[in-house]
Amino acid sequence: MDLDDVTDRVLGTVDLIPAGRVASYGDIAALAATGPRQVGRIMSRHGHLTCWWRVVRADGTSAVADRAAAHWDAEGIGHREGRVDMRACRWNN
């Protein structure tokens, strides 16, 4: 599958997030030189190609927290009631 340049940049940036850390859509957008909504669109279409559970909203929530929770637990990402502890787990690139 050929992906466009923006998609490649977004997925490549997500691949840089280390295990045990998360980044917001805005964090990824800033690094990939695009917008947070574009990141969301790309993740909804191509997130299965990368560690999708490491990308969350700025408040630490995820639309698929029920699926992400097992990954968060496996990586030691602190979370409660579907919300990641951004203060403790945010990736400081």
PDB file of N, CA and C in Angstrom:
ATOM      1  N   MET A   1       0.842  -1.170   0.000  1.00  0.00           N
ATOM      2  CA  MET A   1       0.000   0.000   0.000  1.00  0.00           C
ATOM      3  C   MET A   1       0.891   1.237   0.000  1.00  0.00           C
ATOM      4  N   ASP A   2       0.695   2.105  -0.971  1.00  0.00           N
ATOM      5  CA  ASP A   2       1.422   3.363  -1.016  1.00  0.00           C
ATOM      6  C   ASP A   2       0.669   4.395  -0.187  1.00  0.00           C
ATOM      7  N   LEU A   3       1.369   5.006   0.754  1.00  0.00           N
ATOM      8  CA  LEU A   3       0.774   6.036   1.592  1.00  0.00           C
ATOM      9  C   LEU A   3       1.336   7.385   1.177  1.00  0.00           C
ATOM     10  N   ASP A   4       0.521   8.430   1.304  1.00  0.00           N
ATOM     11  CA  ASP A   4       1.014   9.752   0.937  1.00  0.00           C
ATOM     12  C   ASP A   4       2.021  10.250   1.974  1.00  0.00           C
ATOM     13  N   ASP A   5       2.672  11.353   1.648  1.00  0.00           N
ATOM     14  CA  ASP A   5       3.751  11.891   2.476  1.00  0.00           C
ATOM     15  C   ASP A   5       3.294  12.240   3.892  1.00  0.00           C
ATOM     16  N   VAL A   6       2.131  12.880   4.015  1.00  0.00           N
ATOM     17  CA  VAL A   6       1.633  13.263   5.340  1.00  0.00           C
ATOM     18  C   VAL A   6       1.351  12.016   6.171  1.00  0.00           C
ATOM     19  N   THR A   7       0.736  11.027   5.564  1.00  0.00           N
ATOM     20  CA  THR A   7       0.450   9.776   6.269  1.00  0.00           C
ATOM     21  C   THR A   7       1.742   9.110   6.716  1.00  0.00           C
ATOM     22  N   ASP A   8       2.725   9.078   5.850  1.00  0.00           N
ATOM     23  CA  ASP A   8       4.032   8.514   6.219  1.00  0.00           C
ATOM     24  C   ASP A   8       4.647   9.258   7.401  1.00  0.00           C
ATOM     25  N   ARG A   9       4.568  10.589   7.375  1.00  0.00           N
ATOM     26  CA  ARG A   9       5.141  11.380   8.474  1.00  0.00           C
ATOM     27  C   ARG A   9       4.416  11.105   9.784  1.00  0.00           C
ATOM     28  N   VAL A  10       3.094  11.057   9.730  1.00  0.00           N
ATOM     29  CA  VAL A  10       2.315  10.813  10.950  1.00  0.00           C
ATOM     30  C   VAL A  10       2.626   9.430  11.514  1.00  0.00           C
ATOM     31  N   LEU A  11       2.535   8.401  10.691  1.00  0.00           N
ATOM     32  CA  LEU A  11       2.788   7.040  11.180  1.00  0.00           C
ATOM     33  C   LEU A  11       4.235   6.879  11.633  1.00  0.00           C
ATOM     34  N   GLY A  12       5.161   7.515  10.944  1.00  0.00           N
ATOM     35  CA  GLY A  12       6.562   7.470  11.351  1.00  0.00           C
ATOM     36  C   GLY A  12       6.783   8.131  12.697  1.00  0.00           C
ATOM     37  N   THR A  13       6.073   9.222  12.944  1.00  0.00           N
ATOM     38  CA  THR A  13       6.178   9.901  14.235  1.00  0.00           C
ATOM     39  C   THR A  13       5.591   9.037  15.338  1.00  0.00           C
ATOM     40  N   VAL A  14       4.446   8.430  15.090  1.00  0.00           N
ATOM     41  CA  VAL A  14       3.834   7.542  16.085  1.00  0.00           C
ATOM     42  C   VAL A  14       4.782   6.388  16.408  1.00  0.00           C
ATOM     43  N   ASP A  15       5.476   5.882  15.403  1.00  0.00           N
ATOM     44  CA  ASP A  15       6.433   4.790  15.631  1.00  0.00           C
ATOM     45  C   ASP A  15       7.561   5.189  16.576  1.00  0.00           C
ATOM     46  N   LEU A  16       7.820   6.476  16.725  1.00  0.00           N
ATOM     47  CA  LEU A  16       8.892   6.948  17.608  1.00  0.00           C
ATOM     48  C   LEU A  16       8.494   6.978  19.082  1.00  0.00           C
ATOM     49  N   ILE A  17       7.194   6.925  19.366  1.00  0.00           N
ATOM     50  CA  ILE A  17       6.737   6.982  20.758  1.00  0.00           C
ATOM     51  C   ILE A  17       7.186   5.706  21.461  1.00  0.00           C
ATOM     52  N   PRO A  18       7.976   5.827  22.523  1.00  0.00           N
ATOM     53  CA  PRO A  18       8.458   4.618  23.192  1.00  0.00           C
ATOM     54  C   PRO A  18       7.347   3.915  23.981  1.00  0.00           C
ATOM     55  N   ALA A  19       7.520   2.632  24.171  1.00  0.00           N
ATOM     56  CA  ALA A  19       6.586   1.867  25.003  1.00  0.00           C
ATOM     57  C   ALA A  19       6.501   2.534  26.370  1.00  0.00           C
ATOM     58  N   GLY A  20       5.297   2.585  26.909  1.00  0.00           N
ATOM     59  CA  GLY A  20       5.093   3.190  28.214  1.00  0.00           C
ATOM     60  C   GLY A  20       4.818   4.680  28.167  1.00  0.00           C
ATOM     61  N   ARG A  21       4.771   5.242  26.981  1.00  0.00           N
ATOM     62  CA  ARG A  21       4.507   6.670  26.799  1.00  0.00           C
ATOM     63  C   ARG A  21       3.367   6.860  25.808  1.00  0.00           C
ATOM     64  N   VAL A  22       2.734   8.020  25.867  1.00  0.00           N
ATOM     65  CA  VAL A  22       1.682   8.380  24.926  1.00  0.00           C
ATOM     66  C   VAL A  22       1.932   9.789  24.416  1.00  0.00           C
ATOM     67  N   ALA A  23       1.279  10.130  23.325  1.00  0.00           N
ATOM     68  CA  ALA A  23       1.316  11.484  22.779  1.00  0.00           C
ATOM     69  C   ALA A  23      -0.092  11.852  22.338  1.00  0.00           C
ATOM     70  N   SER A  24      -0.384  13.132  22.381  1.00  0.00           N
ATOM     71  CA  SER A  24      -1.696  13.589  21.926  1.00  0.00           C
ATOM     72  C   SER A  24      -1.689  13.765  20.411  1.00  0.00           C
ATOM     73  N   TYR A  25      -2.885  13.863  19.856  1.00  0.00           N
ATOM     74  CA  TYR A  25      -3.003  14.134  18.425  1.00  0.00           C
ATOM     75  C   TYR A  25      -2.267  15.427  18.077  1.00  0.00           C
ATOM     76  N   GLY A  26      -2.363  16.424  18.953  1.00  0.00           N
ATOM     77  CA  GLY A  26      -1.674  17.688  18.728  1.00  0.00           C
ATOM     78  C   GLY A  26      -0.167  17.557  18.783  1.00  0.00           C
ATOM     79  N   ASP A  27       0.325  16.721  19.706  1.00  0.00           N
ATOM     80  CA  ASP A  27       1.772  16.478  19.787  1.00  0.00           C
ATOM     81  C   ASP A  27       2.281  15.893  18.473  1.00  0.00           C
ATOM     82  N   ILE A  28       1.566  14.891  17.982  1.00  0.00           N
ATOM     83  CA  ILE A  28       1.961  14.236  16.732  1.00  0.00           C
ATOM     84  C   ILE A  28       1.868  15.228  15.576  1.00  0.00           C
ATOM     85  N   ALA A  29       0.801  16.014  15.555  1.00  0.00           N
ATOM     86  CA  ALA A  29       0.614  16.994  14.484  1.00  0.00           C
ATOM     87  C   ALA A  29       1.770  17.987  14.432  1.00  0.00           C
ATOM     88  N   ALA A  30       2.201  18.475  15.581  1.00  0.00           N
ATOM     89  CA  ALA A  30       3.298  19.447  15.615  1.00  0.00           C
ATOM     90  C   ALA A  30       4.581  18.847  15.052  1.00  0.00           C
ATOM     91  N   LEU A  31       4.854  17.610  15.390  1.00  0.00           N
ATOM     92  CA  LEU A  31       6.077  16.958  14.916  1.00  0.00           C
ATOM     93  C   LEU A  31       6.004  16.566  13.442  1.00  0.00           C
ATOM     94  N   ALA A  32       4.805  16.256  12.970  1.00  0.00           N
ATOM     95  CA  ALA A  32       4.639  15.797  11.586  1.00  0.00           C
ATOM     96  C   ALA A  32       4.234  16.926  10.636  1.00  0.00           C
ATOM     97  N   ALA A  33       4.195  18.148  11.147  1.00  0.00           N
ATOM     98  CA  ALA A  33       3.863  19.325  10.336  1.00  0.00           C
ATOM     99  C   ALA A  33       2.501  19.198   9.655  1.00  0.00           C
ATOM    100  N   THR A  34       1.493  18.886  10.476  1.00  0.00           N
ATOM    101  CA  THR A  34       0.118  18.814   9.986  1.00  0.00           C
ATOM    102  C   THR A  34      -0.800  19.227  11.126  1.00  0.00           C
ATOM    103  N   GLY A  35      -2.088  18.999  11.009  1.00  0.00           N
ATOM    104  CA  GLY A  35      -3.034  19.371  12.050  1.00  0.00           C
ATOM    105  C   GLY A  35      -3.531  18.167  12.831  1.00  0.00           C
ATOM    106  N   PRO A  36      -4.016  18.399  14.054  1.00  0.00           N
ATOM    107  CA  PRO A  36      -4.506  17.292  14.885  1.00  0.00           C
ATOM    108  C   PRO A  36      -5.666  16.522  14.261  1.00  0.00           C
ATOM    109  N   ARG A  37      -6.544  17.203  13.562  1.00  0.00           N
ATOM    110  CA  ARG A  37      -7.664  16.498  12.916  1.00  0.00           C
ATOM    111  C   ARG A  37      -7.167  15.596  11.797  1.00  0.00           C
ATOM    112  N   GLN A  38      -6.149  16.057  11.102  1.00  0.00           N
ATOM    113  CA  GLN A  38      -5.540  15.229  10.053  1.00  0.00           C
ATOM    114  C   GLN A  38      -4.925  13.981  10.686  1.00  0.00           C
ATOM    115  N   VAL A  39      -4.270  14.154  11.833  1.00  0.00           N
ATOM    116  CA  VAL A  39      -3.694  13.003  12.538  1.00  0.00           C
ATOM    117  C   VAL A  39      -4.807  12.023  12.903  1.00  0.00           C
ATOM    118  N   GLY A  40      -5.914  12.541  13.415  1.00  0.00           N
ATOM    119  CA  GLY A  40      -7.042  11.680  13.760  1.00  0.00           C
ATOM    120  C   GLY A  40      -7.571  10.903  12.572  1.00  0.00           C
ATOM    121  N   ARG A  41      -7.689  11.577  11.442  1.00  0.00           N
ATOM    122  CA  ARG A  41      -8.171  10.908  10.230  1.00  0.00           C
ATOM    123  C   ARG A  41      -7.209   9.809   9.797  1.00  0.00           C
ATOM    124  N   ILE A  42      -5.931  10.127   9.822  1.00  0.00           N
ATOM    125  CA  ILE A  42      -4.918   9.142   9.428  1.00  0.00           C
ATOM    126  C   ILE A  42      -4.921   7.961  10.388  1.00  0.00           C
ATOM    127  N   MET A  43      -5.018   8.231  11.676  1.00  0.00           N
ATOM    128  CA  MET A  43      -5.021   7.139  12.652  1.00  0.00           C
ATOM    129  C   MET A  43      -6.271   6.275  12.512  1.00  0.00           C
ATOM    130  N   SER A  44      -7.406   6.887  12.176  1.00  0.00           N
ATOM    131  CA  SER A  44      -8.621   6.078  12.020  1.00  0.00           C
ATOM    132  C   SER A  44      -8.528   5.158  10.809  1.00  0.00           C
ATOM    133  N   ARG A  45      -7.805   5.584   9.797  1.00  0.00           N
ATOM    134  CA  ARG A  45      -7.675   4.777   8.579  1.00  0.00           C
ATOM    135  C   ARG A  45      -6.478   3.833   8.594  1.00  0.00           C
ATOM    136  N   HIS A  46      -5.384   4.266   9.217  1.00  0.00           N
ATOM    137  CA  HIS A  46      -4.131   3.512   9.118  1.00  0.00           C
ATOM    138  C   HIS A  46      -3.505   3.181  10.474  1.00  0.00           C
ATOM    139  N   GLY A  47      -4.199   3.473  11.557  1.00  0.00           N
ATOM    140  CA  GLY A  47      -3.639   3.248  12.887  1.00  0.00           C
ATOM    141  C   GLY A  47      -3.230   1.810  13.141  1.00  0.00           C
ATOM    142  N   HIS A  48      -3.894   0.879  12.475  1.00  0.00           N
ATOM    143  CA  HIS A  48      -3.559  -0.540  12.653  1.00  0.00           C
ATOM    144  C   HIS A  48      -2.128  -0.853  12.215  1.00  0.00           C
ATOM    145  N   LEU A  49      -1.501   0.055  11.484  1.00  0.00           N
ATOM    146  CA  LEU A  49      -0.127  -0.156  11.019  1.00  0.00           C
ATOM    147  C   LEU A  49       0.914   0.252  12.059  1.00  0.00           C
ATOM    148  N   THR A  50       0.471   0.794  13.180  1.00  0.00           N
ATOM    149  CA  THR A  50       1.396   1.300  14.191  1.00  0.00           C
ATOM    150  C   THR A  50       0.816   1.100  15.589  1.00  0.00           C
ATOM    151  N   CYS A  51       1.465   1.633  16.586  1.00  0.00           N
ATOM    152  CA  CYS A  51       1.038   1.481  17.988  1.00  0.00           C
ATOM    153  C   CYS A  51      -0.036   2.530  18.311  1.00  0.00           C
ATOM    154  N   TRP A  52      -1.214   2.339  17.761  1.00  0.00           N
ATOM    155  CA  TRP A  52      -2.326   3.281  17.830  1.00  0.00           C
ATOM    156  C   TRP A  52      -2.720   3.654  19.253  1.00  0.00           C
ATOM    157  N   TRP A  53      -2.548   2.750  20.213  1.00  0.00           N
ATOM    158  CA  TRP A  53      -2.970   2.982  21.591  1.00  0.00           C
ATOM    159  C   TRP A  53      -2.105   4.030  22.286  1.00  0.00           C
ATOM    160  N   ARG A  54      -0.993   4.405  21.680  1.00  0.00           N
ATOM    161  CA  ARG A  54      -0.121   5.433  22.260  1.00  0.00           C
ATOM    162  C   ARG A  54      -0.510   6.842  21.834  1.00  0.00           C
ATOM    163  N   VAL A  55      -1.557   6.973  21.029  1.00  0.00           N
ATOM    164  CA  VAL A  55      -2.038   8.284  20.593  1.00  0.00           C
ATOM    165  C   VAL A  55      -3.408   8.513  21.222  1.00  0.00           C
ATOM    166  N   VAL A  56      -3.507   9.574  22.011  1.00  0.00           N
ATOM    167  CA  VAL A  56      -4.729   9.871  22.753  1.00  0.00           C
ATOM    168  C   VAL A  56      -5.085  11.349  22.580  1.00  0.00           C
ATOM    169  N   ARG A  57      -6.249  11.699  23.045  1.00  0.00           N
ATOM    170  CA  ARG A  57      -6.642  13.113  23.052  1.00  0.00           C
ATOM    171  C   ARG A  57      -5.786  13.860  24.082  1.00  0.00           C
ATOM    172  N   ALA A  58      -5.781  15.174  23.995  1.00  0.00           N
ATOM    173  CA  ALA A  58      -4.963  15.996  24.897  1.00  0.00           C
ATOM    174  C   ALA A  58      -5.330  15.784  26.362  1.00  0.00           C
ATOM    175  N   ASP A  59      -6.576  15.397  26.637  1.00  0.00           N
ATOM    176  CA  ASP A  59      -6.982  15.162  28.025  1.00  0.00           C
ATOM    177  C   ASP A  59      -6.717  13.728  28.481  1.00  0.00           C
ATOM    178  N   GLY A  60      -6.075  12.930  27.629  1.00  0.00           N
ATOM    179  CA  GLY A  60      -5.721  11.559  27.988  1.00  0.00           C
ATOM    180  C   GLY A  60      -6.766  10.520  27.658  1.00  0.00           C
ATOM    181  N   THR A  61      -7.894  10.932  27.102  1.00  0.00           N
ATOM    182  CA  THR A  61      -8.940   9.972  26.766  1.00  0.00           C
ATOM    183  C   THR A  61      -8.734   9.412  25.364  1.00  0.00           C
ATOM    184  N   SER A  62      -9.407   8.310  25.118  1.00  0.00           N
ATOM    185  CA  SER A  62      -9.355   7.665  23.811  1.00  0.00           C
ATOM    186  C   SER A  62     -10.749   7.171  23.463  1.00  0.00           C
ATOM    187  N   ALA A  63     -11.117   7.306  22.203  1.00  0.00           N
ATOM    188  CA  ALA A  63     -12.418   6.809  21.754  1.00  0.00           C
ATOM    189  C   ALA A  63     -12.501   5.294  21.871  1.00  0.00           C
ATOM    190  N   VAL A  64     -11.352   4.638  21.911  1.00  0.00           N
ATOM    191  CA  VAL A  64     -11.304   3.178  22.001  1.00  0.00           C
ATOM    192  C   VAL A  64     -10.552   2.740  23.259  1.00  0.00           C
ATOM    193  N   ALA A  65     -10.812   3.435  24.358  1.00  0.00           N
ATOM    194  CA  ALA A  65     -10.120   3.136  25.615  1.00  0.00           C
ATOM    195  C   ALA A  65     -10.334   1.695  26.050  1.00  0.00           C
ATOM    196  N   ASP A  66     -11.499   1.137  25.762  1.00  0.00           N
ATOM    197  CA  ASP A  66     -11.763  -0.249  26.147  1.00  0.00           C
ATOM    198  C   ASP A  66     -10.805  -1.211  25.454  1.00  0.00           C
ATOM    199  N   ARG A  67     -10.449  -0.930  24.204  1.00  0.00           N
ATOM    200  CA  ARG A  67      -9.478  -1.766  23.483  1.00  0.00           C
ATOM    201  C   ARG A  67      -8.043  -1.399  23.850  1.00  0.00           C
ATOM    202  N   ALA A  68      -7.807  -0.129  24.120  1.00  0.00           N
ATOM    203  CA  ALA A  68      -6.449   0.336  24.418  1.00  0.00           C
ATOM    204  C   ALA A  68      -5.984  -0.085  25.807  1.00  0.00           C
ATOM    205  N   ALA A  69      -6.900  -0.279  26.738  1.00  0.00           N
ATOM    206  CA  ALA A  69      -6.540  -0.537  28.135  1.00  0.00           C
ATOM    207  C   ALA A  69      -5.600  -1.728  28.298  1.00  0.00           C
ATOM    208  N   ALA A  70      -5.804  -2.791  27.561  1.00  0.00           N
ATOM    209  CA  ALA A  70      -4.918  -3.960  27.669  1.00  0.00           C
ATOM    210  C   ALA A  70      -3.502  -3.607  27.227  1.00  0.00           C
ATOM    211  N   HIS A  71      -3.384  -2.803  26.179  1.00  0.00           N
ATOM    212  CA  HIS A  71      -2.059  -2.360  25.718  1.00  0.00           C
ATOM    213  C   HIS A  71      -1.426  -1.432  26.755  1.00  0.00           C
ATOM    214  N   TRP A  72      -2.232  -0.512  27.298  1.00  0.00           N
ATOM    215  CA  TRP A  72      -1.716   0.398  28.321  1.00  0.00           C
ATOM    216  C   TRP A  72      -1.209  -0.390  29.525  1.00  0.00           C
ATOM    217  N   ASP A  73      -1.978  -1.379  29.949  1.00  0.00           N
ATOM    218  CA  ASP A  73      -1.556  -2.209  31.084  1.00  0.00           C
ATOM    219  C   ASP A  73      -0.253  -2.938  30.781  1.00  0.00           C
ATOM    220  N   ALA A  74      -0.146  -3.509  29.602  1.00  0.00           N
ATOM    221  CA  ALA A  74       1.051  -4.262  29.220  1.00  0.00           C
ATOM    222  C   ALA A  74       2.296  -3.383  29.200  1.00  0.00           C
ATOM    223  N   GLU A  75       2.121  -2.095  28.896  1.00  0.00           N
ATOM    224  CA  GLU A  75       3.260  -1.182  28.809  1.00  0.00           C
ATOM    225  C   GLU A  75       3.457  -0.350  30.069  1.00  0.00           C
ATOM    226  N   GLY A  76       2.589  -0.540  31.060  1.00  0.00           N
ATOM    227  CA  GLY A  76       2.721   0.225  32.295  1.00  0.00           C
ATOM    228  C   GLY A  76       2.279   1.673  32.166  1.00  0.00           C
ATOM    229  N   ILE A  77       1.396   1.944  31.234  1.00  0.00           N
ATOM    230  CA  ILE A  77       0.860   3.295  31.053  1.00  0.00           C
ATOM    231  C   ILE A  77      -0.259   3.490  32.065  1.00  0.00           C
ATOM    232  N   GLY A  78      -0.066   4.432  32.974  1.00  0.00           N
ATOM    233  CA  GLY A  78      -1.051   4.678  34.020  1.00  0.00           C
ATOM    234  C   GLY A  78      -2.346   5.230  33.448  1.00  0.00           C
ATOM    235  N   HIS A  79      -3.459   4.643  33.849  1.00  0.00           N
ATOM    236  CA  HIS A  79      -4.763   5.109  33.377  1.00  0.00           C
ATOM    237  C   HIS A  79      -5.830   4.749  34.386  1.00  0.00           C
ATOM    238  N   ARG A  80      -6.919   5.489  34.321  1.00  0.00           N
ATOM    239  CA  ARG A  80      -8.053   5.238  35.203  1.00  0.00           C
ATOM    240  C   ARG A  80      -9.313   5.722  34.500  1.00  0.00           C
ATOM    241  N   GLU A  81     -10.316   4.882  34.505  1.00  0.00           N
ATOM    242  CA  GLU A  81     -11.616   5.205  33.920  1.00  0.00           C
ATOM    243  C   GLU A  81     -11.483   5.735  32.491  1.00  0.00           C
ATOM    244  N   GLY A  82     -10.639   5.061  31.700  1.00  0.00           N
ATOM    245  CA  GLY A  82     -10.505   5.398  30.291  1.00  0.00           C
ATOM    246  C   GLY A  82      -9.653   6.610  29.988  1.00  0.00           C
ATOM    247  N   ARG A  83      -8.914   7.092  30.978  1.00  0.00           N
ATOM    248  CA  ARG A  83      -8.093   8.289  30.798  1.00  0.00           C
ATOM    249  C   ARG A  83      -6.657   8.002  31.221  1.00  0.00           C
ATOM    250  N   VAL A  84      -5.719   8.272  30.315  1.00  0.00           N
ATOM    251  CA  VAL A  84      -4.295   8.103  30.603  1.00  0.00           C
ATOM    252  C   VAL A  84      -3.824   9.264  31.471  1.00  0.00           C
ATOM    253  N   ASP A  85      -2.921   8.980  32.393  1.00  0.00           N
ATOM    254  CA  ASP A  85      -2.297  10.020  33.214  1.00  0.00           C
ATOM    255  C   ASP A  85      -1.260  10.741  32.350  1.00  0.00           C
ATOM    256  N   MET A  86      -1.683  11.821  31.707  1.00  0.00           N
ATOM    257  CA  MET A  86      -0.807  12.539  30.774  1.00  0.00           C
ATOM    258  C   MET A  86       0.401  13.145  31.476  1.00  0.00           C
ATOM    259  N   ARG A  87       0.228  13.568  32.683  1.00  0.00           N
ATOM    260  CA  ARG A  87       1.348  14.175  33.408  1.00  0.00           C
ATOM    261  C   ARG A  87       2.480  13.163  33.593  1.00  0.00           C
ATOM    262  N   ALA A  88       2.120  11.922  33.857  1.00  0.00           N
ATOM    263  CA  ALA A  88       3.133  10.890  34.115  1.00  0.00           C
ATOM    264  C   ALA A  88       3.596  10.175  32.849  1.00  0.00           C
ATOM    265  N   CYS A  89       2.743  10.100  31.841  1.00  0.00           N
ATOM    266  CA  CYS A  89       3.029   9.218  30.699  1.00  0.00           C
ATOM    267  C   CYS A  89       3.232   9.917  29.361  1.00  0.00           C
ATOM    268  N   ARG A  90       3.119  11.229  29.348  1.00  0.00           N
ATOM    269  CA  ARG A  90       3.273  11.938  28.067  1.00  0.00           C
ATOM    270  C   ARG A  90       4.708  11.860  27.576  1.00  0.00           C
ATOM    271  N   TRP A  91       4.852  11.578  26.307  1.00  0.00           N
ATOM    272  CA  TRP A  91       6.162  11.491  25.662  1.00  0.00           C
ATOM    273  C   TRP A  91       6.729  12.893  25.500  1.00  0.00           C
ATOM    274  N   ASN A  92       7.878  13.106  26.068  1.00  0.00           N
ATOM    275  CA  ASN A  92       8.575  14.390  25.923  1.00  0.00           C
ATOM    276  C   ASN A  92       9.660  14.211  24.891  1.00  0.00           C
ATOM    277  N   ASN A  93       9.280  14.358  23.651  1.00  0.00           N
ATOM    278  CA  ASN A  93      10.191  14.098  22.542  1.00  0.00           C
ATOM    279  C   ASN A  93      11.347  15.038  22.551  1.00  0.00           C
TER     280      ASN A  93
END
